[in-house]
Amino acid sequence: MRDITTTEDIELLIRKFYESLLSIEEMRPPFEGMDFEKHIPHIVDFWSFVLLDKEGYKTNVFDKHINLPIKPHMFDVWLKSFTETVDALFTGEKAEMAKQRATSLAYTFKSKWEKIKGN
């Protein structure tokens, strides 16, 4: 296996990750009605910014999710699925960084979510 080095690698990761995540019934409701073909480039841009230092992503990720029907434990499911997808596809420094950043993101989202939403 190889490391994450290109935007194409990130797109592969994101597509496989969401395929896996949406196979989990309880994870489907927040994504119902979403146009993934329109949304995936934004997710790829975010992870390209995080992992490849690609400029241009300036959106507040948390604010984009605050109105979705998400329960705090879903961030744990999200993280587990993300980590498993990275491990299935990649190995190396950037792959490890992706898992570390996802862990931080899930923890931050879950903490903020519980503070704001309380569920």
N, C-alpha and C. Protein backbone atom coordinates (compact mmCIF):
# COMPACT_ATOMS: atom_id res chain seq x y z
N MET A 1 0.84 -1.20 0.00
CA MET A 1 0.00 0.00 0.00
C MET A 1 0.88 1.24 0.00
N ARG A 2 0.28 2.31 -0.45
CA ARG A 2 1.02 3.57 -0.55
C ARG A 2 0.37 4.63 0.33
N ASP A 3 1.02 5.75 0.43
CA ASP A 3 0.53 6.85 1.26
C ASP A 3 -0.41 7.75 0.45
N ILE A 4 -1.08 8.63 1.15
CA ILE A 4 -1.92 9.65 0.53
C ILE A 4 -0.99 10.76 0.03
N THR A 5 -1.01 11.00 -1.28
CA THR A 5 -0.10 12.02 -1.82
C THR A 5 -0.78 12.99 -2.77
N THR A 6 -1.98 12.68 -3.25
CA THR A 6 -2.62 13.52 -4.25
C THR A 6 -4.08 13.78 -3.89
N THR A 7 -4.64 14.75 -4.57
CA THR A 7 -6.07 15.03 -4.43
C THR A 7 -6.89 13.83 -4.88
N GLU A 8 -6.41 13.11 -5.87
CA GLU A 8 -7.11 11.90 -6.34
C GLU A 8 -7.13 10.83 -5.24
N ASP A 9 -6.05 10.73 -4.49
CA ASP A 9 -6.03 9.80 -3.35
C ASP A 9 -7.09 10.19 -2.33
N ILE A 10 -7.19 11.46 -2.07
CA ILE A 10 -8.18 11.94 -1.10
C ILE A 10 -9.59 11.70 -1.61
N GLU A 11 -9.82 11.91 -2.89
CA GLU A 11 -11.15 11.64 -3.44
C GLU A 11 -11.50 10.16 -3.32
N LEU A 12 -10.55 9.28 -3.59
CA LEU A 12 -10.77 7.85 -3.42
C LEU A 12 -11.12 7.55 -1.97
N LEU A 13 -10.36 8.10 -1.04
CA LEU A 13 -10.62 7.90 0.38
C LEU A 13 -12.03 8.36 0.75
N ILE A 14 -12.40 9.55 0.32
CA ILE A 14 -13.71 10.11 0.68
C ILE A 14 -14.84 9.29 0.08
N ARG A 15 -14.72 8.91 -1.16
CA ARG A 15 -15.78 8.12 -1.79
C ARG A 15 -15.94 6.76 -1.09
N LYS A 16 -14.83 6.09 -0.83
CA LYS A 16 -14.90 4.78 -0.15
C LYS A 16 -15.40 4.95 1.29
N PHE A 17 -14.98 6.01 1.95
CA PHE A 17 -15.41 6.28 3.32
C PHE A 17 -16.93 6.47 3.38
N TYR A 18 -17.48 7.31 2.52
CA TYR A 18 -18.92 7.54 2.56
C TYR A 18 -19.70 6.30 2.13
N GLU A 19 -19.14 5.53 1.22
CA GLU A 19 -19.77 4.26 0.84
C GLU A 19 -19.88 3.36 2.08
N SER A 20 -18.83 3.29 2.84
CA SER A 20 -18.81 2.50 4.07
C SER A 20 -19.75 3.09 5.13
N LEU A 21 -19.64 4.39 5.34
CA LEU A 21 -20.44 5.05 6.37
C LEU A 21 -21.94 4.90 6.10
N LEU A 22 -22.33 5.06 4.86
CA LEU A 22 -23.75 4.99 4.52
C LEU A 22 -24.28 3.56 4.48
N SER A 23 -23.40 2.59 4.62
CA SER A 23 -23.87 1.21 4.75
C SER A 23 -24.33 0.92 6.18
N ILE A 24 -24.07 1.87 7.08
CA ILE A 24 -24.49 1.76 8.47
C ILE A 24 -25.82 2.50 8.61
N GLU A 25 -26.89 1.76 8.85
CA GLU A 25 -28.24 2.32 8.82
C GLU A 25 -28.41 3.57 9.68
N GLU A 26 -27.89 3.56 10.90
CA GLU A 26 -28.08 4.71 11.77
C GLU A 26 -27.35 5.96 11.29
N MET A 27 -26.41 5.81 10.37
CA MET A 27 -25.65 6.95 9.87
C MET A 27 -26.29 7.59 8.63
N ARG A 28 -27.32 7.01 8.11
CA ARG A 28 -27.94 7.53 6.89
C ARG A 28 -28.75 8.82 7.08
N PRO A 29 -29.52 8.99 8.16
CA PRO A 29 -30.40 10.16 8.26
C PRO A 29 -29.75 11.53 8.03
N PRO A 30 -28.56 11.81 8.57
CA PRO A 30 -27.98 13.14 8.33
C PRO A 30 -27.67 13.41 6.86
N PHE A 31 -27.59 12.35 6.07
CA PHE A 31 -27.18 12.50 4.68
C PHE A 31 -28.32 12.36 3.68
N GLU A 32 -29.52 12.10 4.18
CA GLU A 32 -30.67 11.94 3.29
C GLU A 32 -30.91 13.23 2.51
N GLY A 33 -31.09 13.06 1.23
CA GLY A 33 -31.37 14.20 0.37
C GLY A 33 -30.13 14.97 -0.07
N MET A 34 -28.95 14.56 0.40
CA MET A 34 -27.72 15.25 0.02
C MET A 34 -27.30 14.82 -1.38
N ASP A 35 -26.90 15.77 -2.17
CA ASP A 35 -26.35 15.51 -3.49
C ASP A 35 -24.85 15.28 -3.32
N PHE A 36 -24.44 14.00 -3.21
CA PHE A 36 -23.05 13.68 -2.93
C PHE A 36 -22.12 14.13 -4.04
N GLU A 37 -22.56 14.06 -5.27
CA GLU A 37 -21.68 14.48 -6.36
C GLU A 37 -21.36 15.97 -6.27
N LYS A 38 -22.27 16.73 -5.73
CA LYS A 38 -22.04 18.16 -5.52
C LYS A 38 -21.23 18.40 -4.25
N HIS A 39 -21.42 17.57 -3.23
CA HIS A 39 -20.80 17.77 -1.93
C HIS A 39 -19.37 17.21 -1.84
N ILE A 40 -19.09 16.13 -2.54
CA ILE A 40 -17.78 15.48 -2.43
C ILE A 40 -16.62 16.43 -2.76
N PRO A 41 -16.71 17.26 -3.79
CA PRO A 41 -15.57 18.17 -4.03
C PRO A 41 -15.26 19.08 -2.83
N HIS A 42 -16.27 19.47 -2.06
CA HIS A 42 -16.04 20.30 -0.88
C HIS A 42 -15.30 19.50 0.20
N ILE A 43 -15.68 18.24 0.36
CA ILE A 43 -15.02 17.38 1.35
C ILE A 43 -13.58 17.12 0.92
N VAL A 44 -13.39 16.88 -0.36
CA VAL A 44 -12.04 16.66 -0.90
C VAL A 44 -11.20 17.92 -0.70
N ASP A 45 -11.78 19.08 -0.94
CA ASP A 45 -11.04 20.33 -0.72
C ASP A 45 -10.63 20.47 0.74
N PHE A 46 -11.54 20.13 1.67
CA PHE A 46 -11.23 20.22 3.09
C PHE A 46 -10.04 19.32 3.43
N TRP A 47 -10.10 18.04 3.03
CA TRP A 47 -9.04 17.11 3.38
C TRP A 47 -7.75 17.41 2.61
N SER A 48 -7.85 18.00 1.43
CA SER A 48 -6.65 18.43 0.70
C SER A 48 -5.97 19.57 1.43
N PHE A 49 -6.76 20.45 2.02
CA PHE A 49 -6.23 21.53 2.85
C PHE A 49 -5.54 20.95 4.08
N VAL A 50 -6.19 19.99 4.73
CA VAL A 50 -5.67 19.40 5.96
C VAL A 50 -4.42 18.56 5.71
N LEU A 51 -4.43 17.74 4.68
CA LEU A 51 -3.34 16.77 4.48
C LEU A 51 -2.27 17.20 3.48
N LEU A 52 -2.66 17.99 2.49
CA LEU A 52 -1.71 18.34 1.43
C LEU A 52 -1.35 19.82 1.43
N ASP A 53 -1.86 20.56 2.42
CA ASP A 53 -1.62 22.01 2.53
C ASP A 53 -2.09 22.77 1.30
N LYS A 54 -3.13 22.24 0.65
CA LYS A 54 -3.70 22.91 -0.52
C LYS A 54 -4.51 24.12 -0.05
N GLU A 55 -4.25 25.25 -0.60
CA GLU A 55 -4.94 26.48 -0.21
C GLU A 55 -6.36 26.52 -0.75
N GLY A 56 -7.16 27.37 -0.13
CA GLY A 56 -8.47 27.65 -0.67
C GLY A 56 -9.65 27.29 0.20
N TYR A 57 -9.49 26.36 1.14
CA TYR A 57 -10.63 25.97 1.97
C TYR A 57 -10.74 26.91 3.15
N LYS A 58 -11.89 27.61 3.25
CA LYS A 58 -12.06 28.60 4.31
C LYS A 58 -13.39 28.45 5.06
N THR A 59 -14.15 27.43 4.76
CA THR A 59 -15.47 27.23 5.37
C THR A 59 -15.34 26.70 6.79
N ASN A 60 -16.23 27.15 7.68
CA ASN A 60 -16.29 26.62 9.04
C ASN A 60 -17.03 25.29 8.98
N VAL A 61 -16.30 24.21 9.14
CA VAL A 61 -16.85 22.87 8.98
C VAL A 61 -17.94 22.59 10.02
N PHE A 62 -17.72 22.99 11.24
CA PHE A 62 -18.71 22.73 12.30
C PHE A 62 -20.03 23.42 11.98
N ASP A 63 -19.97 24.67 11.58
CA ASP A 63 -21.20 25.41 11.26
C ASP A 63 -22.00 24.76 10.14
N LYS A 64 -21.32 24.09 9.23
CA LYS A 64 -22.01 23.41 8.12
C LYS A 64 -22.79 22.19 8.59
N HIS A 65 -22.49 21.69 9.78
CA HIS A 65 -23.11 20.46 10.27
C HIS A 65 -24.09 20.66 11.42
N ILE A 66 -24.13 21.83 12.00
CA ILE A 66 -24.87 22.06 13.24
C ILE A 66 -26.36 21.77 13.13
N ASN A 67 -26.94 21.92 11.98
CA ASN A 67 -28.38 21.70 11.84
C ASN A 67 -28.76 20.30 11.36
N LEU A 68 -27.79 19.42 11.28
CA LEU A 68 -28.07 18.05 10.85
C LEU A 68 -28.56 17.20 12.03
N PRO A 69 -29.37 16.18 11.76
CA PRO A 69 -29.87 15.31 12.83
C PRO A 69 -28.81 14.30 13.28
N ILE A 70 -27.87 14.80 14.07
CA ILE A 70 -26.73 13.99 14.52
C ILE A 70 -26.79 13.83 16.03
N LYS A 71 -26.51 12.64 16.49
CA LYS A 71 -26.39 12.33 17.92
C LYS A 71 -24.90 12.24 18.24
N PRO A 72 -24.49 12.61 19.46
CA PRO A 72 -23.05 12.61 19.79
C PRO A 72 -22.33 11.29 19.50
N HIS A 73 -22.96 10.15 19.77
CA HIS A 73 -22.26 8.87 19.54
C HIS A 73 -21.96 8.64 18.05
N MET A 74 -22.65 9.35 17.18
CA MET A 74 -22.42 9.17 15.74
C MET A 74 -21.03 9.64 15.32
N PHE A 75 -20.45 10.55 16.10
CA PHE A 75 -19.08 10.98 15.80
C PHE A 75 -18.09 9.84 16.02
N ASP A 76 -18.38 8.98 17.00
CA ASP A 76 -17.54 7.80 17.23
C ASP A 76 -17.65 6.81 16.07
N VAL A 77 -18.87 6.63 15.59
CA VAL A 77 -19.10 5.74 14.44
C VAL A 77 -18.39 6.31 13.20
N TRP A 78 -18.52 7.61 13.01
CA TRP A 78 -17.87 8.30 11.90
C TRP A 78 -16.36 8.07 11.94
N LEU A 79 -15.77 8.25 13.13
CA LEU A 79 -14.33 8.10 13.28
C LEU A 79 -13.88 6.66 13.02
N LYS A 80 -14.61 5.72 13.54
CA LYS A 80 -14.26 4.31 13.34
C LYS A 80 -14.29 3.96 11.85
N SER A 81 -15.33 4.41 11.16
CA SER A 81 -15.45 4.14 9.73
C SER A 81 -14.34 4.83 8.94
N PHE A 82 -14.04 6.08 9.30
CA PHE A 82 -12.98 6.82 8.61
C PHE A 82 -11.64 6.13 8.79
N THR A 83 -11.31 5.76 10.02
CA THR A 83 -10.04 5.10 10.33
C THR A 83 -9.91 3.77 9.60
N GLU A 84 -10.99 2.99 9.59
CA GLU A 84 -10.96 1.71 8.89
C GLU A 84 -10.76 1.90 7.39
N THR A 85 -11.36 2.95 6.84
CA THR A 85 -11.22 3.21 5.41
C THR A 85 -9.79 3.62 5.08
N VAL A 86 -9.22 4.50 5.89
CA VAL A 86 -7.82 4.90 5.67
C VAL A 86 -6.93 3.66 5.73
N ASP A 87 -7.11 2.84 6.76
CA ASP A 87 -6.27 1.65 6.93
C ASP A 87 -6.41 0.66 5.78
N ALA A 88 -7.59 0.59 5.19
CA ALA A 88 -7.81 -0.33 4.08
C ALA A 88 -7.16 0.13 2.78
N LEU A 89 -6.95 1.44 2.66
CA LEU A 89 -6.47 2.00 1.39
C LEU A 89 -5.02 2.49 1.40
N PHE A 90 -4.57 2.98 2.56
CA PHE A 90 -3.29 3.70 2.59
C PHE A 90 -2.47 3.33 3.82
N THR A 91 -1.18 3.61 3.70
CA THR A 91 -0.26 3.49 4.83
C THR A 91 0.82 4.55 4.65
N GLY A 92 1.28 5.09 5.75
CA GLY A 92 2.33 6.10 5.66
C GLY A 92 2.02 7.32 6.52
N GLU A 93 2.89 8.31 6.38
CA GLU A 93 2.82 9.52 7.20
C GLU A 93 1.49 10.28 7.04
N LYS A 94 1.08 10.50 5.80
CA LYS A 94 -0.17 11.24 5.56
C LYS A 94 -1.39 10.42 5.99
N ALA A 95 -1.33 9.12 5.81
CA ALA A 95 -2.42 8.26 6.27
C ALA A 95 -2.56 8.36 7.78
N GLU A 96 -1.44 8.34 8.49
CA GLU A 96 -1.48 8.48 9.95
C GLU A 96 -1.98 9.87 10.33
N MET A 97 -1.55 10.88 9.60
CA MET A 97 -2.02 12.24 9.86
C MET A 97 -3.53 12.34 9.65
N ALA A 98 -4.04 11.69 8.61
CA ALA A 98 -5.48 11.72 8.34
C ALA A 98 -6.24 11.15 9.53
N LYS A 99 -5.76 10.05 10.09
CA LYS A 99 -6.44 9.44 11.23
C LYS A 99 -6.32 10.32 12.48
N GLN A 100 -5.18 10.94 12.67
CA GLN A 100 -5.00 11.85 13.81
C GLN A 100 -5.92 13.06 13.70
N ARG A 101 -5.98 13.64 12.52
CA ARG A 101 -6.82 14.82 12.31
C ARG A 101 -8.30 14.46 12.43
N ALA A 102 -8.66 13.30 11.94
CA ALA A 102 -10.05 12.84 12.07
C ALA A 102 -10.40 12.63 13.53
N THR A 103 -9.48 12.10 14.30
CA THR A 103 -9.70 11.89 15.74
C THR A 103 -9.93 13.23 16.42
N SER A 104 -9.10 14.21 16.11
CA SER A 104 -9.27 15.55 16.69
C SER A 104 -10.59 16.18 16.26
N LEU A 105 -10.92 16.01 15.01
CA LEU A 105 -12.17 16.57 14.48
C LEU A 105 -13.37 15.94 15.16
N ALA A 106 -13.38 14.62 15.27
CA ALA A 106 -14.50 13.92 15.90
C ALA A 106 -14.64 14.34 17.36
N TYR A 107 -13.53 14.43 18.08
CA TYR A 107 -13.56 14.84 19.48
C TYR A 107 -14.09 16.27 19.62
N THR A 108 -13.59 17.17 18.79
CA THR A 108 -14.01 18.56 18.85
C THR A 108 -15.50 18.69 18.52
N PHE A 109 -15.93 18.04 17.44
CA PHE A 109 -17.34 18.09 17.05
C PHE A 109 -18.22 17.53 18.16
N LYS A 110 -17.85 16.38 18.69
CA LYS A 110 -18.65 15.73 19.72
C LYS A 110 -18.75 16.62 20.96
N SER A 111 -17.64 17.20 21.37
CA SER A 111 -17.63 18.08 22.54
C SER A 111 -18.50 19.31 22.33
N LYS A 112 -18.33 19.96 21.18
CA LYS A 112 -19.15 21.15 20.88
C LYS A 112 -20.63 20.78 20.78
N TRP A 113 -20.89 19.65 20.13
CA TRP A 113 -22.26 19.19 19.92
C TRP A 113 -22.97 18.99 21.26
N GLU A 114 -22.29 18.31 22.18
CA GLU A 114 -22.88 18.04 23.49
C GLU A 114 -23.12 19.34 24.25
N LYS A 115 -22.21 20.29 24.11
CA LYS A 115 -22.34 21.59 24.78
C LYS A 115 -23.53 22.38 24.20
N ILE A 116 -23.65 22.40 22.89
CA ILE A 116 -24.68 23.19 22.22
C ILE A 116 -26.04 22.48 22.20
N LYS A 117 -26.02 21.23 21.80
CA LYS A 117 -27.27 20.49 21.60
C LYS A 117 -27.70 19.67 22.83
N GLY A 118 -26.73 19.24 23.61
CA GLY A 118 -27.02 18.50 24.82
C GLY A 118 -27.59 17.12 24.61
N ASN A 119 -27.50 16.55 23.43
CA ASN A 119 -28.03 15.19 23.23
C ASN A 119 -26.90 14.31 22.83
